[in-house]
Amino acid sequence: MRIALDAMGGDHGPDEQISGAIQALEETDLQLTLVGKESAIQACLNKMAPDSAILSRLQIVHASEVVEMGESPVDAIRKKKNSSVMVAFDLVKKGEAMAVVSAGNSGATLAAAIRKLGRLKNVSRPGIANAFPTLKKPVVMMDLGANVDCRPQHLFEFAIMGAAFASVFEIESPRIGILSIGTESGKGNILVKEAYEMLANSSLNFVGNVEGRDIFQGDVDVIVCDGFVGNICLKVSEGLVEAATEMIREGIMSSFKAKIGYLLARSVFRKFKKRLDYAEYGGAPLLGINGTGIICHGKSNGVAIKNAIIEAGKIVENKVNERITESLAQNLPVSVEDK
């Protein structure tokens, strides 16, 4: 299985991207194509000097342009046809790679994926999913920002796509909830209420409404919402982790006794930090495209890139797209409007 990596994307490209690529190759039998400015990629490889067995599973495809983080996604993919992200998805289109991983401009990554690969049959709108840590197994949430204005049909499709992605975490018949302001079936806005009815009448394992405080409990496996709400949940979670970490650090430094306590419980704190670290969860898959794409955080380090590459391989291996297509065929009307 060959994965295409946008080696120029993100705040730390290409150094962290190539570091992650090498780590992924050390831990798996995947093959990788590094896409970007050949001279910069080769310079990084020379500096990191992976062994010959690693190099034998690496290839470089030159792309002369880079989509910057602040660029308009639409303008970027229209004007920069030889950008690393466009070339990477073109490799998937031509069958020369099975998936793309990018830490670059997320809007441009989504736009490039749709432009090059199109959508799966019966998918109205592709979306962004991600796994959140919980007290039990990870929970998949979708959509996280690709679609800020949604219709009930879109949330219904997100449930199907999120359930298919849950297979990566070895979750069969995932429990699906819809994010609302109360657990009662009548709670929520018009969008939530109508989507609730669609899900309740489907063959999916729908358990009803869930509230924001339930996200990290692990009592459901998939939570669906529109991209506006989902992105806010994502950013609030990221901010809370950063704030909580800083509060703990300040508390530890506040007294000698606290410092001693930290030394005694250091392994616990390390496990806690690792459990909440986004790098451990790789990236956010683009679901609904006719292929596989992973969007990583712009600040991703080598560990995050490594895990995103491994995640891409699992999505392909678990035939997530085939699961989505089959479930849509079972649950959706014959005709789906392009909305």
C-alpha atoms as a PDB file:
ATOM      1  CA  MET A   1       0.000   0.000   0.000  1.00  0.00           C
ATOM      2  CA  ARG A   2       1.424   3.362  -1.032  1.00  0.00           C
ATOM      3  CA  ILE A   3       0.501   6.630   0.716  1.00  0.00           C
ATOM      4  CA  ALA A   4       1.192  10.079  -0.759  1.00  0.00           C
ATOM      5  CA  LEU A   5       2.452  12.630   1.769  1.00  0.00           C
ATOM      6  CA  ASP A   6       2.242  16.367   1.129  1.00  0.00           C
ATOM      7  CA  ALA A   7       5.780  17.016   2.330  1.00  0.00           C
ATOM      8  CA  MET A   8       5.480  20.806   2.078  1.00  0.00           C
ATOM      9  CA  GLY A   9       2.243  21.264   4.045  1.00  0.00           C
ATOM     10  CA  GLY A  10       1.950  22.637   7.571  1.00  0.00           C
ATOM     11  CA  ASP A  11       3.967  24.982   9.726  1.00  0.00           C
ATOM     12  CA  HIS A  12       6.967  22.657   9.933  1.00  0.00           C
ATOM     13  CA  GLY A  13       7.256  21.246   6.422  1.00  0.00           C
ATOM     14  CA  PRO A  14       9.213  19.466   5.183  1.00  0.00           C
ATOM     15  CA  ASP A  15      11.274  18.543   8.275  1.00  0.00           C
ATOM     16  CA  GLU A  16       8.494  17.170  10.510  1.00  0.00           C
ATOM     17  CA  GLN A  17       6.705  15.598   7.554  1.00  0.00           C
ATOM     18  CA  ILE A  18       9.737  13.609   6.517  1.00  0.00           C
ATOM     19  CA  SER A  19      10.553  12.718  10.131  1.00  0.00           C
ATOM     20  CA  GLY A  20       7.025  11.323  10.442  1.00  0.00           C
ATOM     21  CA  ALA A  21       7.353   9.485   7.146  1.00  0.00           C
ATOM     22  CA  ILE A  22      10.523   7.757   8.299  1.00  0.00           C
ATOM     23  CA  GLN A  23       8.906   6.799  11.614  1.00  0.00           C
ATOM     24  CA  ALA A  24       5.871   5.359   9.780  1.00  0.00           C
ATOM     25  CA  LEU A  25       8.092   3.271   7.519  1.00  0.00           C
ATOM     26  CA  GLU A  26      10.012   1.978  10.537  1.00  0.00           C
ATOM     27  CA  GLU A  27       6.788   0.768  12.171  1.00  0.00           C
ATOM     28  CA  THR A  28       4.861  -0.532   9.141  1.00  0.00           C
ATOM     29  CA  ASP A  29       5.351  -2.142   5.744  1.00  0.00           C
ATOM     30  CA  LEU A  30       3.737   0.800   3.916  1.00  0.00           C
ATOM     31  CA  GLN A  31       5.314   2.558   0.965  1.00  0.00           C
ATOM     32  CA  LEU A  32       5.394   6.354   0.744  1.00  0.00           C
ATOM     33  CA  THR A  33       5.580   8.994  -1.951  1.00  0.00           C
ATOM     34  CA  LEU A  34       6.879  12.356  -0.753  1.00  0.00           C
ATOM     35  CA  VAL A  35       5.335  15.157  -2.813  1.00  0.00           C
ATOM     36  CA  GLY A  36       6.874  18.609  -2.913  1.00  0.00           C
ATOM     37  CA  LYS A  37      10.006  20.502  -3.866  1.00  0.00           C
ATOM     38  CA  GLU A  38      12.486  17.767  -4.658  1.00  0.00           C
ATOM     39  CA  SER A  39      15.589  19.680  -3.560  1.00  0.00           C
ATOM     40  CA  ALA A  40      14.100  20.505  -0.125  1.00  0.00           C
ATOM     41  CA  ILE A  41      12.896  16.924   0.390  1.00  0.00           C
ATOM     42  CA  GLN A  42      16.242  15.441  -0.645  1.00  0.00           C
ATOM     43  CA  ALA A  43      18.092  17.823   1.684  1.00  0.00           C
ATOM     44  CA  CYS A  44      15.964  16.619   4.608  1.00  0.00           C
ATOM     45  CA  LEU A  45      16.516  12.984   3.713  1.00  0.00           C
ATOM     46  CA  ASN A  46      20.268  13.562   3.505  1.00  0.00           C
ATOM     47  CA  LYS A  47      20.210  15.191   6.941  1.00  0.00           C
ATOM     48  CA  MET A  48      18.122  12.451   8.562  1.00  0.00           C
ATOM     49  CA  ALA A  49      19.948   9.656   6.720  1.00  0.00           C
ATOM     50  CA  PRO A  50      17.437   6.784   6.979  1.00  0.00           C
ATOM     51  CA  ASP A  51      18.823   3.332   6.238  1.00  0.00           C
ATOM     52  CA  SER A  52      18.628   1.749   2.801  1.00  0.00           C
ATOM     53  CA  ALA A  53      15.619  -0.432   3.692  1.00  0.00           C
ATOM     54  CA  ILE A  54      13.618   2.727   4.455  1.00  0.00           C
ATOM     55  CA  LEU A  55      14.832   4.541   1.351  1.00  0.00           C
ATOM     56  CA  SER A  56      13.796   1.599  -0.814  1.00  0.00           C
ATOM     57  CA  ARG A  57      10.145   2.241   0.142  1.00  0.00           C
ATOM     58  CA  LEU A  58      10.335   5.980  -0.456  1.00  0.00           C
ATOM     59  CA  GLN A  59       9.963   7.883  -3.685  1.00  0.00           C
ATOM     60  CA  ILE A  60       9.852  11.598  -4.439  1.00  0.00           C
ATOM     61  CA  VAL A  61       7.450  13.303  -6.827  1.00  0.00           C
ATOM     62  CA  HIS A  62       8.367  16.906  -7.561  1.00  0.00           C
ATOM     63  CA  ALA A  63       5.752  19.653  -7.155  1.00  0.00           C
ATOM     64  CA  SER A  64       6.964  23.177  -7.802  1.00  0.00           C
ATOM     65  CA  GLU A  65       4.261  25.060  -5.864  1.00  0.00           C
ATOM     66  CA  VAL A  66       3.004  25.188  -2.273  1.00  0.00           C
ATOM     67  CA  VAL A  67      -0.386  26.337  -0.996  1.00  0.00           C
ATOM     68  CA  GLU A  68       0.293  28.661   1.929  1.00  0.00           C
ATOM     69  CA  MET A  69      -1.746  28.379   5.116  1.00  0.00           C
ATOM     70  CA  GLY A  70      -3.421  31.758   4.703  1.00  0.00           C
ATOM     71  CA  GLU A  71      -4.368  31.431   1.040  1.00  0.00           C
ATOM     72  CA  SER A  72      -7.921  31.214  -0.235  1.00  0.00           C
ATOM     73  CA  PRO A  73      -8.550  27.496  -0.890  1.00  0.00           C
ATOM     74  CA  VAL A  74     -10.561  28.128  -4.055  1.00  0.00           C
ATOM     75  CA  ASP A  75      -8.000  30.507  -5.528  1.00  0.00           C
ATOM     76  CA  ALA A  76      -5.117  28.251  -4.528  1.00  0.00           C
ATOM     77  CA  ILE A  77      -6.337  25.092  -6.253  1.00  0.00           C
ATOM     78  CA  ARG A  78      -7.374  27.050  -9.324  1.00  0.00           C
ATOM     79  CA  LYS A  79      -4.081  28.917  -9.737  1.00  0.00           C
ATOM     80  CA  LYS A  80      -1.576  26.459  -8.273  1.00  0.00           C
ATOM     81  CA  LYS A  81      -2.246  23.341 -10.293  1.00  0.00           C
ATOM     82  CA  ASN A  82       1.256  22.031  -9.554  1.00  0.00           C
ATOM     83  CA  SER A  83       1.012  22.510  -5.796  1.00  0.00           C
ATOM     84  CA  SER A  84       2.070  19.609  -3.597  1.00  0.00           C
ATOM     85  CA  VAL A  85      -1.475  18.920  -2.375  1.00  0.00           C
ATOM     86  CA  MET A  86      -2.924  18.903  -5.903  1.00  0.00           C
ATOM     87  CA  VAL A  87      -0.173  16.627  -7.211  1.00  0.00           C
ATOM     88  CA  ALA A  88      -0.651  14.274  -4.238  1.00  0.00           C
ATOM     89  CA  PHE A  89      -4.372  13.807  -4.925  1.00  0.00           C
ATOM     90  CA  ASP A  90      -3.627  13.422  -8.609  1.00  0.00           C
ATOM     91  CA  LEU A  91      -1.486  10.392  -7.712  1.00  0.00           C
ATOM     92  CA  VAL A  92      -4.532   8.816  -6.054  1.00  0.00           C
ATOM     93  CA  LYS A  93      -6.671   9.654  -9.080  1.00  0.00           C
ATOM     94  CA  LYS A  94      -4.155   7.902 -11.341  1.00  0.00           C
ATOM     95  CA  GLY A  95      -3.950   4.866  -9.057  1.00  0.00           C
ATOM     96  CA  GLU A  96      -0.343   5.557  -8.069  1.00  0.00           C
ATOM     97  CA  ALA A  97      -1.227   6.013  -4.388  1.00  0.00           C
ATOM     98  CA  MET A  98      -4.064   4.853  -2.138  1.00  0.00           C
ATOM     99  CA  ALA A  99      -4.361   7.900   0.124  1.00  0.00           C
ATOM    100  CA  VAL A 100      -3.096  11.427   0.795  1.00  0.00           C
ATOM    101  CA  VAL A 101      -1.892  12.879   4.092  1.00  0.00           C
ATOM    102  CA  SER A 102      -1.476  16.649   4.398  1.00  0.00           C
ATOM    103  CA  ALA A 103      -0.878  19.116   7.233  1.00  0.00           C
ATOM    104  CA  GLY A 104      -1.315  22.041   4.876  1.00  0.00           C
ATOM    105  CA  ASN A 105      -4.189  24.442   4.296  1.00  0.00           C
ATOM    106  CA  SER A 106      -7.209  22.338   5.325  1.00  0.00           C
ATOM    107  CA  GLY A 107      -9.643  24.144   3.032  1.00  0.00           C
ATOM    108  CA  ALA A 108      -7.332  23.651   0.074  1.00  0.00           C
ATOM    109  CA  THR A 109      -6.866  19.982   0.982  1.00  0.00           C
ATOM    110  CA  LEU A 110     -10.619  19.436   1.001  1.00  0.00           C
ATOM    111  CA  ALA A 111     -11.081  21.394  -2.227  1.00  0.00           C
ATOM    112  CA  ALA A 112      -8.243  19.521  -3.947  1.00  0.00           C
ATOM    113  CA  ALA A 113      -9.697  16.171  -2.858  1.00  0.00           C
ATOM    114  CA  ILE A 114     -13.116  16.985  -4.278  1.00  0.00           C
ATOM    115  CA  ARG A 115     -11.660  18.501  -7.455  1.00  0.00           C
ATOM    116  CA  LYS A 116      -9.399  15.530  -8.179  1.00  0.00           C
ATOM    117  CA  LEU A 117     -11.377  12.584  -6.794  1.00  0.00           C
ATOM    118  CA  GLY A 118     -15.007  13.670  -6.642  1.00  0.00           C
ATOM    119  CA  ARG A 119     -17.549  12.246  -4.205  1.00  0.00           C
ATOM    120  CA  LEU A 120     -18.673   8.735  -3.418  1.00  0.00           C
ATOM    121  CA  LYS A 121     -21.997   7.683  -4.891  1.00  0.00           C
ATOM    122  CA  ASN A 122     -24.975   9.119  -2.971  1.00  0.00           C
ATOM    123  CA  VAL A 123     -22.817  11.481  -0.895  1.00  0.00           C
ATOM    124  CA  SER A 124     -24.216  15.013  -0.941  1.00  0.00           C
ATOM    125  CA  ARG A 125     -21.326  16.632   0.902  1.00  0.00           C
ATOM    126  CA  PRO A 126     -18.017  15.185   2.064  1.00  0.00           C
ATOM    127  CA  GLY A 127     -17.090  16.110   5.618  1.00  0.00           C
ATOM    128  CA  ILE A 128     -14.315  16.045   8.173  1.00  0.00           C
ATOM    129  CA  ALA A 129     -14.330  13.493  10.984  1.00  0.00           C
ATOM    130  CA  ASN A 130     -12.021  13.016  13.918  1.00  0.00           C
ATOM    131  CA  ALA A 131     -11.568  10.806  16.950  1.00  0.00           C
ATOM    132  CA  PHE A 132     -11.810  12.298  20.435  1.00  0.00           C
ATOM    133  CA  PRO A 133     -10.397  10.584  23.526  1.00  0.00           C
ATOM    134  CA  THR A 134     -13.016   9.473  26.077  1.00  0.00           C
ATOM    135  CA  LEU A 135     -13.140   7.555  29.329  1.00  0.00           C
ATOM    136  CA  LYS A 136     -13.635   4.436  27.181  1.00  0.00           C
ATOM    137  CA  LYS A 137     -12.984   3.987  23.450  1.00  0.00           C
ATOM    138  CA  PRO A 138     -12.425   6.978  21.136  1.00  0.00           C
ATOM    139  CA  VAL A 139     -15.571   8.667  19.863  1.00  0.00           C
ATOM    140  CA  VAL A 140     -15.860   9.789  16.232  1.00  0.00           C
ATOM    141  CA  MET A 141     -17.352  13.232  15.657  1.00  0.00           C
ATOM    142  CA  MET A 142     -18.473  14.599  12.295  1.00  0.00           C
ATOM    143  CA  ASP A 143     -18.612  17.182  10.738  1.00  0.00           C
ATOM    144  CA  LEU A 144     -15.803  19.324  12.149  1.00  0.00           C
ATOM    145  CA  GLY A 145     -15.905  22.303   9.825  1.00  0.00           C
ATOM    146  CA  ALA A 146     -16.302  21.385   6.187  1.00  0.00           C
ATOM    147  CA  ASN A 147     -20.037  22.211   6.093  1.00  0.00           C
ATOM    148  CA  VAL A 148     -21.206  25.029   8.351  1.00  0.00           C
ATOM    149  CA  ASP A 149     -24.730  25.145   6.883  1.00  0.00           C
ATOM    150  CA  CYS A 150     -26.348  21.726   6.739  1.00  0.00           C
ATOM    151  CA  ARG A 151     -29.651  20.030   5.986  1.00  0.00           C
ATOM    152  CA  PRO A 152     -30.981  16.945   7.811  1.00  0.00           C
ATOM    153  CA  GLN A 153     -29.887  14.754   4.887  1.00  0.00           C
ATOM    154  CA  HIS A 154     -26.289  15.829   5.410  1.00  0.00           C
ATOM    155  CA  LEU A 155     -26.304  14.937   9.106  1.00  0.00           C
ATOM    156  CA  PHE A 156     -27.815  11.578   8.205  1.00  0.00           C
ATOM    157  CA  GLU A 157     -24.972  10.939   5.762  1.00  0.00           C
ATOM    158  CA  PHE A 158     -22.416  12.061   8.361  1.00  0.00           C
ATOM    159  CA  ALA A 159     -23.789   9.373  10.680  1.00  0.00           C
ATOM    160  CA  ILE A 160     -23.270   6.718   8.005  1.00  0.00           C
ATOM    161  CA  MET A 161     -19.768   7.942   7.193  1.00  0.00           C
ATOM    162  CA  GLY A 162     -18.774   8.264  10.855  1.00  0.00           C
ATOM    163  CA  ALA A 163     -20.022   4.749  11.569  1.00  0.00           C
ATOM    164  CA  ALA A 164     -17.902   3.404   8.723  1.00  0.00           C
ATOM    165  CA  PHE A 165     -14.823   5.218  10.042  1.00  0.00           C
ATOM    166  CA  ALA A 166     -15.410   3.742  13.516  1.00  0.00           C
ATOM    167  CA  SER A 167     -14.365   0.377  12.064  1.00  0.00           C
ATOM    168  CA  VAL A 168     -10.767   1.643  12.220  1.00  0.00           C
ATOM    169  CA  PHE A 169     -11.103   1.457  16.019  1.00  0.00           C
ATOM    170  CA  GLU A 170     -12.556  -2.073  15.806  1.00  0.00           C
ATOM    171  CA  ILE A 171     -16.036  -0.859  16.707  1.00  0.00           C
ATOM    172  CA  GLU A 172     -18.797  -2.930  15.137  1.00  0.00           C
ATOM    173  CA  SER A 173     -22.392  -1.676  15.044  1.00  0.00           C
ATOM    174  CA  PRO A 174     -21.317   1.700  16.474  1.00  0.00           C
ATOM    175  CA  ARG A 175     -23.761   3.558  18.698  1.00  0.00           C
ATOM    176  CA  ILE A 176     -24.692   6.843  17.024  1.00  0.00           C
ATOM    177  CA  GLY A 177     -25.888   9.995  18.755  1.00  0.00           C
ATOM    178  CA  ILE A 178     -26.801  13.451  17.488  1.00  0.00           C
ATOM    179  CA  LEU A 179     -25.446  16.471  19.379  1.00  0.00           C
ATOM    180  CA  SER A 180     -28.242  18.515  20.897  1.00  0.00           C
ATOM    181  CA  ILE A 181     -29.208  20.661  23.897  1.00  0.00           C
ATOM    182  CA  GLY A 182     -30.959  17.815  25.695  1.00  0.00           C
ATOM    183  CA  THR A 183     -31.264  14.049  25.568  1.00  0.00           C
ATOM    184  CA  GLU A 184     -35.025  14.061  25.011  1.00  0.00           C
ATOM    185  CA  SER A 185     -36.146  13.329  21.453  1.00  0.00           C
ATOM    186  CA  GLY A 186     -37.981  16.648  21.150  1.00  0.00           C
ATOM    187  CA  LYS A 187     -34.972  18.803  22.061  1.00  0.00           C
ATOM    188  CA  GLY A 188     -32.916  20.732  19.513  1.00  0.00           C
ATOM    189  CA  ASN A 189     -33.393  23.038  16.544  1.00  0.00           C
ATOM    190  CA  ILE A 190     -35.260  22.125  13.368  1.00  0.00           C
ATOM    191  CA  LEU A 191     -32.130  20.623  11.814  1.00  0.00           C
ATOM    192  CA  VAL A 192     -31.527  18.290  14.758  1.00  0.00           C
ATOM    193  CA  LYS A 193     -35.186  17.283  15.094  1.00  0.00           C
ATOM    194  CA  GLU A 194     -35.548  16.347  11.421  1.00  0.00           C
ATOM    195  CA  ALA A 195     -32.214  14.516  11.355  1.00  0.00           C
ATOM    196  CA  TYR A 196     -33.302  12.676  14.505  1.00  0.00           C
ATOM    197  CA  GLU A 197     -36.377  11.316  12.715  1.00  0.00           C
ATOM    198  CA  MET A 198     -34.304  10.151   9.746  1.00  0.00           C
ATOM    199  CA  LEU A 199     -31.802   8.382  11.976  1.00  0.00           C
ATOM    200  CA  ALA A 200     -34.507   6.812  14.150  1.00  0.00           C
ATOM    201  CA  ASN A 201     -36.106   5.279  11.054  1.00  0.00           C
ATOM    202  CA  SER A 202     -32.846   3.926   9.607  1.00  0.00           C
ATOM    203  CA  SER A 203     -31.036   0.617  10.056  1.00  0.00           C
ATOM    204  CA  LEU A 204     -28.256   2.383  11.964  1.00  0.00           C
ATOM    205  CA  ASN A 205     -27.661   1.801  15.670  1.00  0.00           C
ATOM    206  CA  PHE A 206     -29.052   5.208  16.638  1.00  0.00           C
ATOM    207  CA  VAL A 207     -29.306   5.870  20.394  1.00  0.00           C
ATOM    208  CA  GLY A 208     -30.758   9.399  20.339  1.00  0.00           C
ATOM    209  CA  ASN A 209     -29.584  12.836  21.411  1.00  0.00           C
ATOM    210  CA  VAL A 210     -26.382  13.453  23.341  1.00  0.00           C
ATOM    211  CA  GLU A 211     -25.330  16.643  25.098  1.00  0.00           C
ATOM    212  CA  GLY A 212     -21.982  18.377  24.986  1.00  0.00           C
ATOM    213  CA  ARG A 213     -21.023  17.041  28.396  1.00  0.00           C
ATOM    214  CA  ASP A 214     -21.468  13.490  27.064  1.00  0.00           C
ATOM    215  CA  ILE A 215     -18.825  13.783  24.341  1.00  0.00           C
ATOM    216  CA  PHE A 216     -15.968  12.500  26.495  1.00  0.00           C
ATOM    217  CA  GLN A 217     -17.905   9.865  28.452  1.00  0.00           C
ATOM    218  CA  GLY A 218     -17.557   7.168  25.784  1.00  0.00           C
ATOM    219  CA  ASP A 219     -21.178   6.011  25.950  1.00  0.00           C
ATOM    220  CA  VAL A 220     -21.620   6.494  22.187  1.00  0.00           C
ATOM    221  CA  ASP A 221     -19.232   5.745  19.345  1.00  0.00           C
ATOM    222  CA  VAL A 222     -20.253   8.368  16.774  1.00  0.00           C
ATOM    223  CA  ILE A 223     -21.595  11.892  17.320  1.00  0.00           C
ATOM    224  CA  VAL A 224     -23.004  13.876  14.407  1.00  0.00           C
ATOM    225  CA  CYS A 225     -23.469  17.623  14.116  1.00  0.00           C
ATOM    226  CA  ASP A 226     -23.118  20.357  11.514  1.00  0.00           C
ATOM    227  CA  GLY A 227     -19.660  21.734  10.782  1.00  0.00           C
ATOM    228  CA  PHE A 228     -20.289  24.995  12.610  1.00  0.00           C
ATOM    229  CA  VAL A 229     -21.041  23.282  15.909  1.00  0.00           C
ATOM    230  CA  GLY A 230     -18.434  20.590  15.342  1.00  0.00           C
ATOM    231  CA  ASN A 231     -15.612  23.028  14.700  1.00  0.00           C
ATOM    232  CA  ILE A 232     -16.484  24.976  17.845  1.00  0.00           C
ATOM    233  CA  CYS A 233     -16.429  21.728  19.851  1.00  0.00           C
ATOM    234  CA  LEU A 234     -13.037  20.882  18.369  1.00  0.00           C
ATOM    235  CA  LYS A 235     -11.510  24.293  19.128  1.00  0.00           C
ATOM    236  CA  VAL A 236     -13.015  24.418  22.638  1.00  0.00           C
ATOM    237  CA  SER A 237     -11.532  20.979  23.340  1.00  0.00           C
ATOM    238  CA  GLU A 238      -8.105  22.044  22.095  1.00  0.00           C
ATOM    239  CA  GLY A 239      -8.230  25.225  24.169  1.00  0.00           C
ATOM    240  CA  LEU A 240      -9.381  23.361  27.271  1.00  0.00           C
ATOM    241  CA  VAL A 241      -6.498  20.902  27.039  1.00  0.00           C
ATOM    242  CA  GLU A 242      -3.996  23.748  26.685  1.00  0.00           C
ATOM    243  CA  ALA A 243      -5.534  25.700  29.574  1.00  0.00           C
ATOM    244  CA  ALA A 244      -5.775  22.642  31.846  1.00  0.00           C
ATOM    245  CA  THR A 245      -2.153  21.728  31.117  1.00  0.00           C
ATOM    246  CA  GLU A 246      -1.000  25.239  31.987  1.00  0.00           C
ATOM    247  CA  MET A 247      -3.122  25.281  35.175  1.00  0.00           C
ATOM    248  CA  ILE A 248      -1.559  21.996  36.271  1.00  0.00           C
ATOM    249  CA  ARG A 249       1.920  23.339  35.515  1.00  0.00           C
ATOM    250  CA  GLU A 250       1.275  26.500  37.543  1.00  0.00           C
ATOM    251  CA  GLY A 251      -0.079  24.412  40.410  1.00  0.00           C
ATOM    252  CA  ILE A 252       3.004  22.184  40.412  1.00  0.00           C
ATOM    253  CA  MET A 253       5.350  25.175  40.443  1.00  0.00           C
ATOM    254  CA  SER A 254       3.436  26.944  43.231  1.00  0.00           C
ATOM    255  CA  SER A 255       5.028  25.111  46.152  1.00  0.00           C
ATOM    256  CA  PHE A 256       7.764  22.709  47.113  1.00  0.00           C
ATOM    257  CA  LYS A 257       5.211  20.107  48.254  1.00  0.00           C
ATOM    258  CA  ALA A 258       3.470  20.291  44.876  1.00  0.00           C
ATOM    259  CA  LYS A 259       6.774  19.684  43.103  1.00  0.00           C
ATOM    260  CA  ILE A 260       7.441  16.625  45.260  1.00  0.00           C
ATOM    261  CA  GLY A 261       3.927  15.374  44.529  1.00  0.00           C
ATOM    262  CA  TYR A 262       4.526  15.773  40.810  1.00  0.00           C
ATOM    263  CA  LEU A 263       7.745  13.770  40.991  1.00  0.00           C
ATOM    264  CA  LEU A 264       5.897  10.961  42.751  1.00  0.00           C
ATOM    265  CA  ALA A 265       3.055  10.988  40.203  1.00  0.00           C
ATOM    266  CA  ARG A 266       5.084  11.891  37.125  1.00  0.00           C
ATOM    267  CA  SER A 267       4.192   8.732  35.209  1.00  0.00           C
ATOM    268  CA  VAL A 268       0.478   9.428  35.740  1.00  0.00           C
ATOM    269  CA  PHE A 269       0.836  12.950  34.366  1.00  0.00           C
ATOM    270  CA  ARG A 270       2.730  11.641  31.344  1.00  0.00           C
ATOM    271  CA  LYS A 271      -0.003   9.119  30.560  1.00  0.00           C
ATOM    272  CA  PHE A 272      -2.642  11.837  30.964  1.00  0.00           C
ATOM    273  CA  LYS A 273      -0.795  14.176  28.593  1.00  0.00           C
ATOM    274  CA  LYS A 274      -0.290  11.443  26.009  1.00  0.00           C
ATOM    275  CA  ARG A 275      -3.962  10.455  26.155  1.00  0.00           C
ATOM    276  CA  LEU A 276      -5.017  14.022  25.323  1.00  0.00           C
ATOM    277  CA  ASP A 277      -2.287  14.745  22.778  1.00  0.00           C
ATOM    278  CA  TYR A 278      -3.763  15.272  19.288  1.00  0.00           C
ATOM    279  CA  ALA A 279      -0.564  13.841  17.827  1.00  0.00           C
ATOM    280  CA  GLU A 280      -1.550  10.399  19.119  1.00  0.00           C
ATOM    281  CA  TYR A 281      -4.716  10.453  16.985  1.00  0.00           C
ATOM    282  CA  GLY A 282      -3.034  11.299  13.673  1.00  0.00           C
ATOM    283  CA  GLY A 283      -5.307  13.461  11.568  1.00  0.00           C
ATOM    284  CA  ALA A 284      -8.879  14.063  10.533  1.00  0.00           C
ATOM    285  CA  PRO A 285     -10.114  11.946   7.606  1.00  0.00           C
ATOM    286  CA  LEU A 286     -12.050  13.484   4.743  1.00  0.00           C
ATOM    287  CA  LEU A 287     -15.031  11.178   4.439  1.00  0.00           C
ATOM    288  CA  GLY A 288     -17.271  11.033   1.401  1.00  0.00           C
ATOM    289  CA  ILE A 289     -14.570  11.623  -1.216  1.00  0.00           C
ATOM    290  CA  ASN A 290     -13.887   8.946  -3.805  1.00  0.00           C
ATOM    291  CA  GLY A 291     -10.567   8.084  -2.220  1.00  0.00           C
ATOM    292  CA  THR A 292      -8.810   8.620   1.103  1.00  0.00           C
ATOM    293  CA  GLY A 293      -7.475  11.878   2.489  1.00  0.00           C
ATOM    294  CA  ILE A 294      -6.238  12.862   5.944  1.00  0.00           C
ATOM    295  CA  ILE A 295      -6.004  16.457   7.179  1.00  0.00           C
ATOM    296  CA  CYS A 296      -3.435  16.992   9.933  1.00  0.00           C
ATOM    297  CA  HIS A 297      -3.088  19.920  12.317  1.00  0.00           C
ATOM    298  CA  GLY A 298      -0.890  22.648  10.854  1.00  0.00           C
ATOM    299  CA  LYS A 299       1.437  22.374  13.853  1.00  0.00           C
ATOM    300  CA  SER A 300       1.797  18.605  13.521  1.00  0.00           C
ATOM    301  CA  ASN A 301       5.085  17.129  14.635  1.00  0.00           C
ATOM    302  CA  GLY A 302       6.676  13.959  13.327  1.00  0.00           C
ATOM    303  CA  VAL A 303       4.660  11.726  15.667  1.00  0.00           C
ATOM    304  CA  ALA A 304       1.369  13.217  14.442  1.00  0.00           C
ATOM    305  CA  ILE A 305       2.405  12.764  10.807  1.00  0.00           C
ATOM    306  CA  LYS A 306       3.453   9.175  11.501  1.00  0.00           C
ATOM    307  CA  ASN A 307       0.122   8.361  13.114  1.00  0.00           C
ATOM    308  CA  ALA A 308      -1.796  10.054  10.293  1.00  0.00           C
ATOM    309  CA  ILE A 309       0.021   7.910   7.731  1.00  0.00           C
ATOM    310  CA  ILE A 310      -0.762   4.767   9.718  1.00  0.00           C
ATOM    311  CA  GLU A 311      -4.385   5.909  10.071  1.00  0.00           C
ATOM    312  CA  ALA A 312      -4.640   6.396   6.292  1.00  0.00           C
ATOM    313  CA  GLY A 313      -3.446   2.834   5.809  1.00  0.00           C
ATOM    314  CA  LYS A 314      -6.059   1.524   8.266  1.00  0.00           C
ATOM    315  CA  ILE A 315      -8.853   3.399   6.493  1.00  0.00           C
ATOM    316  CA  VAL A 316      -7.901   1.769   3.203  1.00  0.00           C
ATOM    317  CA  GLU A 317      -7.373  -1.626   4.827  1.00  0.00           C
ATOM    318  CA  ASN A 318     -10.759  -1.501   6.573  1.00  0.00           C
ATOM    319  CA  LYS A 319     -12.460  -0.548   3.281  1.00  0.00           C
ATOM    320  CA  VAL A 320     -14.153   2.447   4.871  1.00  0.00           C
ATOM    321  CA  ASN A 321     -15.333   3.836   1.531  1.00  0.00           C
ATOM    322  CA  GLU A 322     -16.906   0.524   0.583  1.00  0.00           C
ATOM    323  CA  ARG A 323     -18.699   0.456   3.943  1.00  0.00           C
ATOM    324  CA  ILE A 324     -20.001   3.985   3.346  1.00  0.00           C
ATOM    325  CA  THR A 325     -21.268   3.150  -0.131  1.00  0.00           C
ATOM    326  CA  GLU A 326     -23.010  -0.029   1.024  1.00  0.00           C
ATOM    327  CA  SER A 327     -24.678   1.665   3.991  1.00  0.00           C
ATOM    328  CA  LEU A 328     -25.829   4.621   1.888  1.00  0.00           C
ATOM    329  CA  ALA A 329     -27.372   2.251  -0.639  1.00  0.00           C
ATOM    330  CA  GLN A 330     -29.281   0.527   2.165  1.00  0.00           C
ATOM    331  CA  ASN A 331     -30.501   3.664   3.901  1.00  0.00           C
ATOM    332  CA  LEU A 332     -30.865   6.501   1.420  1.00  0.00           C
ATOM    333  CA  PRO A 333     -33.433   7.224  -1.259  1.00  0.00           C
ATOM    334  CA  VAL A 334     -32.429   6.308  -4.810  1.00  0.00           C
ATOM    335  CA  SER A 335     -31.940   9.960  -5.750  1.00  0.00           C
ATOM    336  CA  VAL A 336     -29.866  12.316  -3.601  1.00  0.00           C
ATOM    337  CA  GLU A 337     -29.899  15.974  -4.510  1.00  0.00           C
ATOM    338  CA  ASP A 338     -26.597  17.800  -4.860  1.00  0.00           C
ATOM    339  CA  LYS A 339     -26.890  20.310  -2.065  1.00  0.00           C
END
